[in-house]
């Protein structure tokens, strides 16, 4: 039996991962700002479900939630850092407060929860950490720069953690969904910059329109995504990254081609900056 600790578990990927874990008789600690929303979303699992209040921006609350998990189930085998928020707007349109808010949840909240859980995993010399990244962790678009910056950071943190934790028997993975039919584009998850500058109408402005037009029409199936995440967690050796969705795979392939083309085009200039070798 596996014990899961899932943040942002009242909706989206979080609630679906929790449901599928519970359906296979695993224990689940499902956190949300209001635990009643978890209980409402996941009725009938009282013996194996612990709903806990957690705002990931509150490090003390993260420690309390982990203590409650260990008190109830004795361990934490899988941490899913799923809580997050979106932000759409051009870089210039984004205020300092708006930028800090998305970093506080998507990066610093993830770090706070991870720091709270890792002592448990280190003691048992085992565990899996699933950091929910995004296609935005691989490439960015107009209007998504600050959101993507948080996910680029999640990618870097995960890559380092996978190396730091491997000798301790703990694995880490960044899961990179493309557009999935969750409520991510709803106003409850996706924030928009208060400032709107007309000069960006053709770039970030188009992304605001895209969000409205695409909401709840995305091609990705969150049920299948959750199944894929459980599958990868069960493998003996998780990859450091897992792309989810056909468009995500296509976008990553295009990004890799672009990076390779730039390296090839500017290779001579790039390597010319080393000290000259002698002899």
C-alpha atoms as a PDB file:
ATOM      1  CA  UNK A   1       0.000   0.000   0.000  1.00  0.00           C
ATOM      2  CA  UNK A   2       1.227   3.474  -0.900  1.00  0.00           C
ATOM      3  CA  UNK A   3       0.589   6.686   1.010  1.00  0.00           C
ATOM      4  CA  UNK A   4       0.180   9.786  -1.130  1.00  0.00           C
ATOM      5  CA  UNK A   5       0.443  13.445  -0.064  1.00  0.00           C
ATOM      6  CA  UNK A   6      -1.187  15.650  -2.709  1.00  0.00           C
ATOM      7  CA  UNK A   7      -1.427  19.433  -2.708  1.00  0.00           C
ATOM      8  CA  UNK A   8      -4.201  21.261  -4.538  1.00  0.00           C
ATOM      9  CA  UNK A   9      -6.291  18.110  -4.307  1.00  0.00           C
ATOM     10  CA  UNK A  10      -9.805  19.541  -4.487  1.00  0.00           C
ATOM     11  CA  UNK A  11      -9.904  19.830  -8.292  1.00  0.00           C
ATOM     12  CA  UNK A  12      -8.041  19.298 -11.559  1.00  0.00           C
ATOM     13  CA  UNK A  13      -5.162  16.859 -11.678  1.00  0.00           C
ATOM     14  CA  UNK A  14      -4.955  16.745  -7.894  1.00  0.00           C
ATOM     15  CA  UNK A  15      -8.413  15.384  -7.259  1.00  0.00           C
ATOM     16  CA  UNK A  16      -8.159  12.878 -10.118  1.00  0.00           C
ATOM     17  CA  UNK A  17      -4.803  11.525  -8.915  1.00  0.00           C
ATOM     18  CA  UNK A  18      -6.272  11.230  -5.422  1.00  0.00           C
ATOM     19  CA  UNK A  19      -9.381   9.434  -6.701  1.00  0.00           C
ATOM     20  CA  UNK A  20      -7.432   6.890  -8.710  1.00  0.00           C
ATOM     21  CA  UNK A  21      -5.018   6.255  -5.842  1.00  0.00           C
ATOM     22  CA  UNK A  22      -7.934   5.712  -3.468  1.00  0.00           C
ATOM     23  CA  UNK A  23      -9.679   3.430  -5.958  1.00  0.00           C
ATOM     24  CA  UNK A  24      -6.691   1.096  -5.901  1.00  0.00           C
ATOM     25  CA  UNK A  25      -6.766   1.049  -2.069  1.00  0.00           C
ATOM     26  CA  UNK A  26      -3.889   3.437  -1.426  1.00  0.00           C
ATOM     27  CA  UNK A  27      -3.972   5.941   1.441  1.00  0.00           C
ATOM     28  CA  UNK A  28      -4.211   9.602   0.468  1.00  0.00           C
ATOM     29  CA  UNK A  29      -3.548  12.829   2.299  1.00  0.00           C
ATOM     30  CA  UNK A  30      -5.344  15.387   0.145  1.00  0.00           C
ATOM     31  CA  UNK A  31      -4.726  19.030   0.937  1.00  0.00           C
ATOM     32  CA  UNK A  32      -6.509  22.223  -0.050  1.00  0.00           C
ATOM     33  CA  UNK A  33      -7.091  25.622   1.448  1.00  0.00           C
ATOM     34  CA  UNK A  34     -10.521  24.360   2.513  1.00  0.00           C
ATOM     35  CA  UNK A  35     -10.477  20.619   3.309  1.00  0.00           C
ATOM     36  CA  UNK A  36     -14.272  20.490   3.001  1.00  0.00           C
ATOM     37  CA  UNK A  37     -13.867  20.921  -0.755  1.00  0.00           C
ATOM     38  CA  UNK A  38     -11.746  17.756  -0.786  1.00  0.00           C
ATOM     39  CA  UNK A  39     -14.306  15.811   1.227  1.00  0.00           C
ATOM     40  CA  UNK A  40     -17.048  16.990  -1.116  1.00  0.00           C
ATOM     41  CA  UNK A  41     -15.027  16.030  -4.207  1.00  0.00           C
ATOM     42  CA  UNK A  42     -14.024  12.624  -2.805  1.00  0.00           C
ATOM     43  CA  UNK A  43     -16.943  11.184  -0.841  1.00  0.00           C
ATOM     44  CA  UNK A  44     -16.964   7.622   0.435  1.00  0.00           C
ATOM     45  CA  UNK A  45     -13.258   7.183   1.175  1.00  0.00           C
ATOM     46  CA  UNK A  46     -13.214   8.168   4.849  1.00  0.00           C
ATOM     47  CA  UNK A  47     -11.087   5.221   5.989  1.00  0.00           C
ATOM     48  CA  UNK A  48      -8.232   5.929   3.550  1.00  0.00           C
ATOM     49  CA  UNK A  49      -8.580   9.670   2.949  1.00  0.00           C
ATOM     50  CA  UNK A  50      -7.271  12.430   5.183  1.00  0.00           C
ATOM     51  CA  UNK A  51      -8.328  15.897   4.046  1.00  0.00           C
ATOM     52  CA  UNK A  52      -6.051  18.566   5.482  1.00  0.00           C
ATOM     53  CA  UNK A  53      -6.130  22.364   5.322  1.00  0.00           C
ATOM     54  CA  UNK A  54      -3.039  23.708   3.592  1.00  0.00           C
ATOM     55  CA  UNK A  55      -2.109  26.950   1.913  1.00  0.00           C
ATOM     56  CA  UNK A  56       1.247  26.032   0.375  1.00  0.00           C
ATOM     57  CA  UNK A  57       2.456  29.609   0.863  1.00  0.00           C
ATOM     58  CA  UNK A  58       2.471  28.911   4.640  1.00  0.00           C
ATOM     59  CA  UNK A  59       5.530  26.837   5.580  1.00  0.00           C
ATOM     60  CA  UNK A  60       4.339  26.244   9.134  1.00  0.00           C
ATOM     61  CA  UNK A  61       1.042  24.912   7.770  1.00  0.00           C
ATOM     62  CA  UNK A  62       3.001  22.555   5.505  1.00  0.00           C
ATOM     63  CA  UNK A  63       4.840  21.115   8.489  1.00  0.00           C
ATOM     64  CA  UNK A  64       1.569  20.672  10.379  1.00  0.00           C
ATOM     65  CA  UNK A  65       0.009  18.898   7.405  1.00  0.00           C
ATOM     66  CA  UNK A  66       2.955  16.511   7.158  1.00  0.00           C
ATOM     67  CA  UNK A  67       2.760  15.803  10.889  1.00  0.00           C
ATOM     68  CA  UNK A  68      -0.943  15.022  10.500  1.00  0.00           C
ATOM     69  CA  UNK A  69      -0.189  12.685   7.607  1.00  0.00           C
ATOM     70  CA  UNK A  70       2.439  10.754   9.544  1.00  0.00           C
ATOM     71  CA  UNK A  71       0.213  10.601  12.637  1.00  0.00           C
ATOM     72  CA  UNK A  72      -2.574   9.065  10.560  1.00  0.00           C
ATOM     73  CA  UNK A  73      -0.744   6.781   8.130  1.00  0.00           C
ATOM     74  CA  UNK A  74       2.772   6.481   9.534  1.00  0.00           C
ATOM     75  CA  UNK A  75       4.590   7.520   6.370  1.00  0.00           C
ATOM     76  CA  UNK A  76       4.525   9.426   3.078  1.00  0.00           C
ATOM     77  CA  UNK A  77       5.587   7.479   0.004  1.00  0.00           C
ATOM     78  CA  UNK A  78       4.619   9.861  -2.798  1.00  0.00           C
ATOM     79  CA  UNK A  79       4.480  13.654  -2.725  1.00  0.00           C
ATOM     80  CA  UNK A  80       2.562  15.319  -5.549  1.00  0.00           C
ATOM     81  CA  UNK A  81       3.244  19.053  -5.674  1.00  0.00           C
ATOM     82  CA  UNK A  82       0.157  19.970  -7.668  1.00  0.00           C
ATOM     83  CA  UNK A  83      -1.029  23.259  -6.136  1.00  0.00           C
ATOM     84  CA  UNK A  84      -0.485  26.158  -8.489  1.00  0.00           C
ATOM     85  CA  UNK A  85      -1.871  29.229 -10.157  1.00  0.00           C
ATOM     86  CA  UNK A  86      -1.652  30.803 -13.580  1.00  0.00           C
ATOM     87  CA  UNK A  87      -0.938  34.346 -14.699  1.00  0.00           C
ATOM     88  CA  UNK A  88      -1.418  35.803 -18.176  1.00  0.00           C
ATOM     89  CA  UNK A  89      -0.098  39.194 -19.212  1.00  0.00           C
ATOM     90  CA  UNK A  90       2.912  40.733 -20.890  1.00  0.00           C
ATOM     91  CA  UNK A  91       6.082  41.169 -18.851  1.00  0.00           C
ATOM     92  CA  UNK A  92       5.678  44.955 -18.773  1.00  0.00           C
ATOM     93  CA  UNK A  93       2.014  44.624 -17.803  1.00  0.00           C
ATOM     94  CA  UNK A  94       2.887  42.466 -14.773  1.00  0.00           C
ATOM     95  CA  UNK A  95       3.253  44.239 -11.446  1.00  0.00           C
ATOM     96  CA  UNK A  96       5.801  43.197  -8.846  1.00  0.00           C
ATOM     97  CA  UNK A  97       3.011  41.950  -6.584  1.00  0.00           C
ATOM     98  CA  UNK A  98       1.474  39.842  -9.367  1.00  0.00           C
ATOM     99  CA  UNK A  99       4.837  38.323 -10.249  1.00  0.00           C
ATOM    100  CA  UNK A 100       5.647  37.517  -6.637  1.00  0.00           C
ATOM    101  CA  UNK A 101       2.244  35.956  -6.045  1.00  0.00           C
ATOM    102  CA  UNK A 102       2.643  33.403  -8.843  1.00  0.00           C
ATOM    103  CA  UNK A 103       6.202  32.588  -7.717  1.00  0.00           C
ATOM    104  CA  UNK A 104       5.047  32.262  -4.094  1.00  0.00           C
ATOM    105  CA  UNK A 105       2.597  29.500  -4.991  1.00  0.00           C
ATOM    106  CA  UNK A 106       4.235  27.729  -7.929  1.00  0.00           C
ATOM    107  CA  UNK A 107       7.823  27.725  -6.678  1.00  0.00           C
ATOM    108  CA  UNK A 108       8.179  28.772  -3.058  1.00  0.00           C
ATOM    109  CA  UNK A 109       5.057  26.862  -2.024  1.00  0.00           C
ATOM    110  CA  UNK A 110       6.402  23.763  -3.746  1.00  0.00           C
ATOM    111  CA  UNK A 111       9.714  24.202  -1.927  1.00  0.00           C
ATOM    112  CA  UNK A 112       8.015  24.665   1.449  1.00  0.00           C
ATOM    113  CA  UNK A 113       5.995  21.465   1.116  1.00  0.00           C
ATOM    114  CA  UNK A 114       8.989  19.530  -0.209  1.00  0.00           C
ATOM    115  CA  UNK A 115      11.163  20.641   2.712  1.00  0.00           C
ATOM    116  CA  UNK A 116       8.434  19.475   5.093  1.00  0.00           C
ATOM    117  CA  UNK A 117       8.109  16.038   3.463  1.00  0.00           C
ATOM    118  CA  UNK A 118      11.738  15.181   2.736  1.00  0.00           C
ATOM    119  CA  UNK A 119      12.778  14.406   6.334  1.00  0.00           C
ATOM    120  CA  UNK A 120      10.147  11.641   6.329  1.00  0.00           C
ATOM    121  CA  UNK A 121      11.431  10.210   3.063  1.00  0.00           C
ATOM    122  CA  UNK A 122      15.076  10.494   4.110  1.00  0.00           C
ATOM    123  CA  UNK A 123      14.401   8.539   7.301  1.00  0.00           C
ATOM    124  CA  UNK A 124      12.816   5.700   5.362  1.00  0.00           C
ATOM    125  CA  UNK A 125      15.338   5.970   2.488  1.00  0.00           C
ATOM    126  CA  UNK A 126      12.559   5.840  -0.081  1.00  0.00           C
ATOM    127  CA  UNK A 127       9.984   8.055  -1.742  1.00  0.00           C
ATOM    128  CA  UNK A 128       8.783   9.617  -4.971  1.00  0.00           C
ATOM    129  CA  UNK A 129       8.338  13.345  -5.582  1.00  0.00           C
ATOM    130  CA  UNK A 130       6.104  14.404  -8.461  1.00  0.00           C
ATOM    131  CA  UNK A 131       6.424  18.097  -9.287  1.00  0.00           C
ATOM    132  CA  UNK A 132       3.691  19.317 -11.585  1.00  0.00           C
ATOM    133  CA  UNK A 133       5.448  21.449 -14.179  1.00  0.00           C
ATOM    134  CA  UNK A 134       3.989  22.328 -17.592  1.00  0.00           C
ATOM    135  CA  UNK A 135       4.829  22.672 -21.239  1.00  0.00           C
ATOM    136  CA  UNK A 136       5.473  26.191 -19.926  1.00  0.00           C
ATOM    137  CA  UNK A 137       8.467  24.742 -18.122  1.00  0.00           C
ATOM    138  CA  UNK A 138      10.089  23.987 -21.476  1.00  0.00           C
ATOM    139  CA  UNK A 139       9.071  26.931 -23.622  1.00  0.00           C
ATOM    140  CA  UNK A 140       7.255  30.213 -23.201  1.00  0.00           C
ATOM    141  CA  UNK A 141       4.842  32.315 -25.234  1.00  0.00           C
ATOM    142  CA  UNK A 142       3.740  35.953 -25.204  1.00  0.00           C
ATOM    143  CA  UNK A 143       1.634  36.619 -22.156  1.00  0.00           C
ATOM    144  CA  UNK A 144       2.881  33.577 -20.276  1.00  0.00           C
ATOM    145  CA  UNK A 145       6.386  34.756 -19.384  1.00  0.00           C
ATOM    146  CA  UNK A 146       5.984  34.979 -15.603  1.00  0.00           C
ATOM    147  CA  UNK A 147       3.993  31.764 -15.337  1.00  0.00           C
ATOM    148  CA  UNK A 148       6.545  29.977 -17.514  1.00  0.00           C
ATOM    149  CA  UNK A 149       9.363  31.407 -15.394  1.00  0.00           C
ATOM    150  CA  UNK A 150       7.917  29.632 -12.352  1.00  0.00           C
ATOM    151  CA  UNK A 151       7.713  26.356 -14.259  1.00  0.00           C
ATOM    152  CA  UNK A 152      11.215  26.743 -15.718  1.00  0.00           C
ATOM    153  CA  UNK A 153      12.293  27.053 -12.072  1.00  0.00           C
ATOM    154  CA  UNK A 154      10.368  23.897 -11.144  1.00  0.00           C
ATOM    155  CA  UNK A 155      12.230  22.072 -13.910  1.00  0.00           C
ATOM    156  CA  UNK A 156      15.601  23.228 -12.557  1.00  0.00           C
ATOM    157  CA  UNK A 157      14.700  22.329  -8.985  1.00  0.00           C
ATOM    158  CA  UNK A 158      13.481  18.890 -10.041  1.00  0.00           C
ATOM    159  CA  UNK A 159      16.585  18.175 -12.108  1.00  0.00           C
ATOM    160  CA  UNK A 160      18.825  19.048  -9.163  1.00  0.00           C
ATOM    161  CA  UNK A 161      16.678  17.124  -6.674  1.00  0.00           C
ATOM    162  CA  UNK A 162      16.731  13.998  -8.810  1.00  0.00           C
ATOM    163  CA  UNK A 163      20.526  13.968  -8.486  1.00  0.00           C
ATOM    164  CA  UNK A 164      20.693  15.040  -4.840  1.00  0.00           C
ATOM    165  CA  UNK A 165      18.142  12.499  -3.668  1.00  0.00           C
ATOM    166  CA  UNK A 166      19.096   9.471  -5.765  1.00  0.00           C
ATOM    167  CA  UNK A 167      21.740   8.257  -3.270  1.00  0.00           C
ATOM    168  CA  UNK A 168      19.041   8.381  -0.570  1.00  0.00           C
ATOM    169  CA  UNK A 169      16.629   6.140  -2.468  1.00  0.00           C
ATOM    170  CA  UNK A 170      14.301   9.011  -3.392  1.00  0.00           C
ATOM    171  CA  UNK A 171      13.288   9.878  -6.949  1.00  0.00           C
ATOM    172  CA  UNK A 172      11.932  13.137  -8.379  1.00  0.00           C
ATOM    173  CA  UNK A 173      10.122  13.853 -11.638  1.00  0.00           C
ATOM    174  CA  UNK A 174       8.753  16.939 -13.392  1.00  0.00           C
ATOM    175  CA  UNK A 175       5.439  16.217 -15.106  1.00  0.00           C
ATOM    176  CA  UNK A 176       4.814  18.507 -18.066  1.00  0.00           C
ATOM    177  CA  UNK A 177       1.166  18.685 -19.157  1.00  0.00           C
ATOM    178  CA  UNK A 178       0.101  20.549 -22.250  1.00  0.00           C
ATOM    179  CA  UNK A 179      -3.454  21.934 -22.433  1.00  0.00           C
ATOM    180  CA  UNK A 180      -5.768  19.669 -20.395  1.00  0.00           C
ATOM    181  CA  UNK A 181      -9.482  20.039 -19.789  1.00  0.00           C
ATOM    182  CA  UNK A 182      -9.256  21.110 -16.164  1.00  0.00           C
ATOM    183  CA  UNK A 183     -10.373  24.413 -14.659  1.00  0.00           C
ATOM    184  CA  UNK A 184      -6.887  25.919 -15.003  1.00  0.00           C
ATOM    185  CA  UNK A 185      -8.171  28.616 -17.356  1.00  0.00           C
ATOM    186  CA  UNK A 186     -11.024  29.548 -14.996  1.00  0.00           C
ATOM    187  CA  UNK A 187     -10.674  32.805 -13.067  1.00  0.00           C
ATOM    188  CA  UNK A 188     -10.231  30.757  -9.886  1.00  0.00           C
ATOM    189  CA  UNK A 189      -6.873  29.483 -11.181  1.00  0.00           C
ATOM    190  CA  UNK A 190      -5.772  31.794 -13.971  1.00  0.00           C
ATOM    191  CA  UNK A 191      -5.107  35.369 -12.929  1.00  0.00           C
ATOM    192  CA  UNK A 192      -4.819  38.235 -15.387  1.00  0.00           C
ATOM    193  CA  UNK A 193      -2.627  41.256 -14.982  1.00  0.00           C
ATOM    194  CA  UNK A 194      -4.535  44.290 -13.819  1.00  0.00           C
ATOM    195  CA  UNK A 195      -2.649  46.509 -16.241  1.00  0.00           C
ATOM    196  CA  UNK A 196      -3.441  46.129 -19.942  1.00  0.00           C
ATOM    197  CA  UNK A 197      -1.263  47.995 -22.458  1.00  0.00           C
ATOM    198  CA  UNK A 198      -2.746  48.434 -25.923  1.00  0.00           C
ATOM    199  CA  UNK A 199       0.610  47.922 -27.639  1.00  0.00           C
ATOM    200  CA  UNK A 200       0.540  44.275 -26.550  1.00  0.00           C
ATOM    201  CA  UNK A 201      -2.909  43.552 -28.000  1.00  0.00           C
ATOM    202  CA  UNK A 202      -1.446  41.374 -30.764  1.00  0.00           C
ATOM    203  CA  UNK A 203       0.709  39.312 -28.386  1.00  0.00           C
ATOM    204  CA  UNK A 204      -0.346  38.961 -24.750  1.00  0.00           C
ATOM    205  CA  UNK A 205      -3.792  40.274 -25.634  1.00  0.00           C
ATOM    206  CA  UNK A 206      -4.289  37.370 -28.017  1.00  0.00           C
ATOM    207  CA  UNK A 207      -3.380  34.993 -25.204  1.00  0.00           C
ATOM    208  CA  UNK A 208      -6.118  36.439 -23.023  1.00  0.00           C
ATOM    209  CA  UNK A 209      -8.559  35.741 -25.842  1.00  0.00           C
ATOM    210  CA  UNK A 210      -7.114  32.257 -26.359  1.00  0.00           C
ATOM    211  CA  UNK A 211      -7.687  31.479 -22.686  1.00  0.00           C
ATOM    212  CA  UNK A 212     -11.352  32.425 -22.946  1.00  0.00           C
ATOM    213  CA  UNK A 213     -11.874  30.529 -26.194  1.00  0.00           C
ATOM    214  CA  UNK A 214     -10.018  27.392 -25.071  1.00  0.00           C
ATOM    215  CA  UNK A 215     -11.356  27.054 -21.532  1.00  0.00           C
ATOM    216  CA  UNK A 216     -12.906  23.594 -21.049  1.00  0.00           C
ATOM    217  CA  UNK A 217     -12.207  22.740 -24.701  1.00  0.00           C
ATOM    218  CA  UNK A 218      -8.570  21.648 -24.259  1.00  0.00           C
ATOM    219  CA  UNK A 219      -7.609  18.385 -25.947  1.00  0.00           C
ATOM    220  CA  UNK A 220      -6.059  16.725 -22.899  1.00  0.00           C
ATOM    221  CA  UNK A 221      -8.043  14.284 -20.739  1.00  0.00           C
ATOM    222  CA  UNK A 222      -7.191  14.761 -17.031  1.00  0.00           C
ATOM    223  CA  UNK A 223      -8.379  11.238 -16.173  1.00  0.00           C
ATOM    224  CA  UNK A 224      -5.858   9.759 -18.603  1.00  0.00           C
ATOM    225  CA  UNK A 225      -3.192  12.150 -17.300  1.00  0.00           C
ATOM    226  CA  UNK A 226      -3.743  10.953 -13.741  1.00  0.00           C
ATOM    227  CA  UNK A 227      -3.524   7.342 -14.907  1.00  0.00           C
ATOM    228  CA  UNK A 228      -0.219   8.132 -16.624  1.00  0.00           C
ATOM    229  CA  UNK A 229       1.128   9.718 -13.439  1.00  0.00           C
ATOM    230  CA  UNK A 230       0.217   6.681 -11.339  1.00  0.00           C
ATOM    231  CA  UNK A 231       1.822   4.470 -13.977  1.00  0.00           C
ATOM    232  CA  UNK A 232       5.099   6.408 -13.925  1.00  0.00           C
ATOM    233  CA  UNK A 233       5.173   6.493 -10.112  1.00  0.00           C
ATOM    234  CA  UNK A 234       4.899   2.689 -10.095  1.00  0.00           C
ATOM    235  CA  UNK A 235       7.880   2.190 -12.405  1.00  0.00           C
ATOM    236  CA  UNK A 236      11.172   1.076 -10.809  1.00  0.00           C
ATOM    237  CA  UNK A 237      12.996   4.131 -12.193  1.00  0.00           C
ATOM    238  CA  UNK A 238      11.074   7.279 -13.054  1.00  0.00           C
ATOM    239  CA  UNK A 239      12.407   9.584 -15.769  1.00  0.00           C
ATOM    240  CA  UNK A 240      13.341  13.100 -14.718  1.00  0.00           C
ATOM    241  CA  UNK A 241      10.645  14.492 -17.032  1.00  0.00           C
ATOM    242  CA  UNK A 242       7.354  13.232 -18.421  1.00  0.00           C
ATOM    243  CA  UNK A 243       5.499  15.123 -21.148  1.00  0.00           C
ATOM    244  CA  UNK A 244       1.717  14.704 -21.238  1.00  0.00           C
ATOM    245  CA  UNK A 245      -0.380  15.306 -24.331  1.00  0.00           C
ATOM    246  CA  UNK A 246       0.331  15.175 -28.050  1.00  0.00           C
ATOM    247  CA  UNK A 247       0.697  18.951 -28.398  1.00  0.00           C
ATOM    248  CA  UNK A 248       3.156  18.997 -25.503  1.00  0.00           C
ATOM    249  CA  UNK A 249       5.334  16.392 -27.216  1.00  0.00           C
ATOM    250  CA  UNK A 250       5.169  18.337 -30.489  1.00  0.00           C
ATOM    251  CA  UNK A 251       6.056  21.623 -28.787  1.00  0.00           C
ATOM    252  CA  UNK A 252       9.022  20.090 -26.951  1.00  0.00           C
ATOM    253  CA  UNK A 253      10.316  18.533 -30.162  1.00  0.00           C
ATOM    254  CA  UNK A 254      10.085  21.939 -31.876  1.00  0.00           C
ATOM    255  CA  UNK A 255      11.915  23.635 -28.993  1.00  0.00           C
ATOM    256  CA  UNK A 256      14.735  21.078 -29.130  1.00  0.00           C
ATOM    257  CA  UNK A 257      15.109  21.650 -32.862  1.00  0.00           C
ATOM    258  CA  UNK A 258      15.256  25.422 -32.335  1.00  0.00           C
ATOM    259  CA  UNK A 259      17.913  25.119 -29.626  1.00  0.00           C
ATOM    260  CA  UNK A 260      19.963  22.724 -31.743  1.00  0.00           C
ATOM    261  CA  UNK A 261      19.724  25.058 -34.748  1.00  0.00           C
ATOM    262  CA  UNK A 262      20.941  28.051 -32.716  1.00  0.00           C
ATOM    263  CA  UNK A 263      23.839  26.046 -31.295  1.00  0.00           C
ATOM    264  CA  UNK A 264      24.853  24.937 -34.755  1.00  0.00           C
ATOM    265  CA  UNK A 265      24.521  28.395 -36.315  1.00  0.00           C
ATOM    266  CA  UNK A 266      26.513  30.198 -33.627  1.00  0.00           C
ATOM    267  CA  UNK A 267      28.882  27.406 -32.573  1.00  0.00           C
ATOM    268  CA  UNK A 268      32.031  29.173 -33.822  1.00  0.00           C
ATOM    269  CA  UNK A 269      31.216  32.361 -31.919  1.00  0.00           C
ATOM    270  CA  UNK A 270      30.206  30.415 -28.807  1.00  0.00           C
ATOM    271  CA  UNK A 271      33.407  28.391 -28.543  1.00  0.00           C
ATOM    272  CA  UNK A 272      35.612  31.394 -29.428  1.00  0.00           C
ATOM    273  CA  UNK A 273      35.159  32.845 -25.934  1.00  0.00           C
ATOM    274  CA  UNK A 274      37.436  30.341 -24.140  1.00  0.00           C
ATOM    275  CA  UNK A 275      41.029  31.177 -23.281  1.00  0.00           C
ATOM    276  CA  UNK A 276      43.315  30.192 -26.114  1.00  0.00           C
ATOM    277  CA  UNK A 277      45.079  26.889 -25.510  1.00  0.00           C
ATOM    278  CA  UNK A 278      48.833  26.686 -25.888  1.00  0.00           C
ATOM    279  CA  UNK A 279      51.080  23.924 -27.161  1.00  0.00           C
END
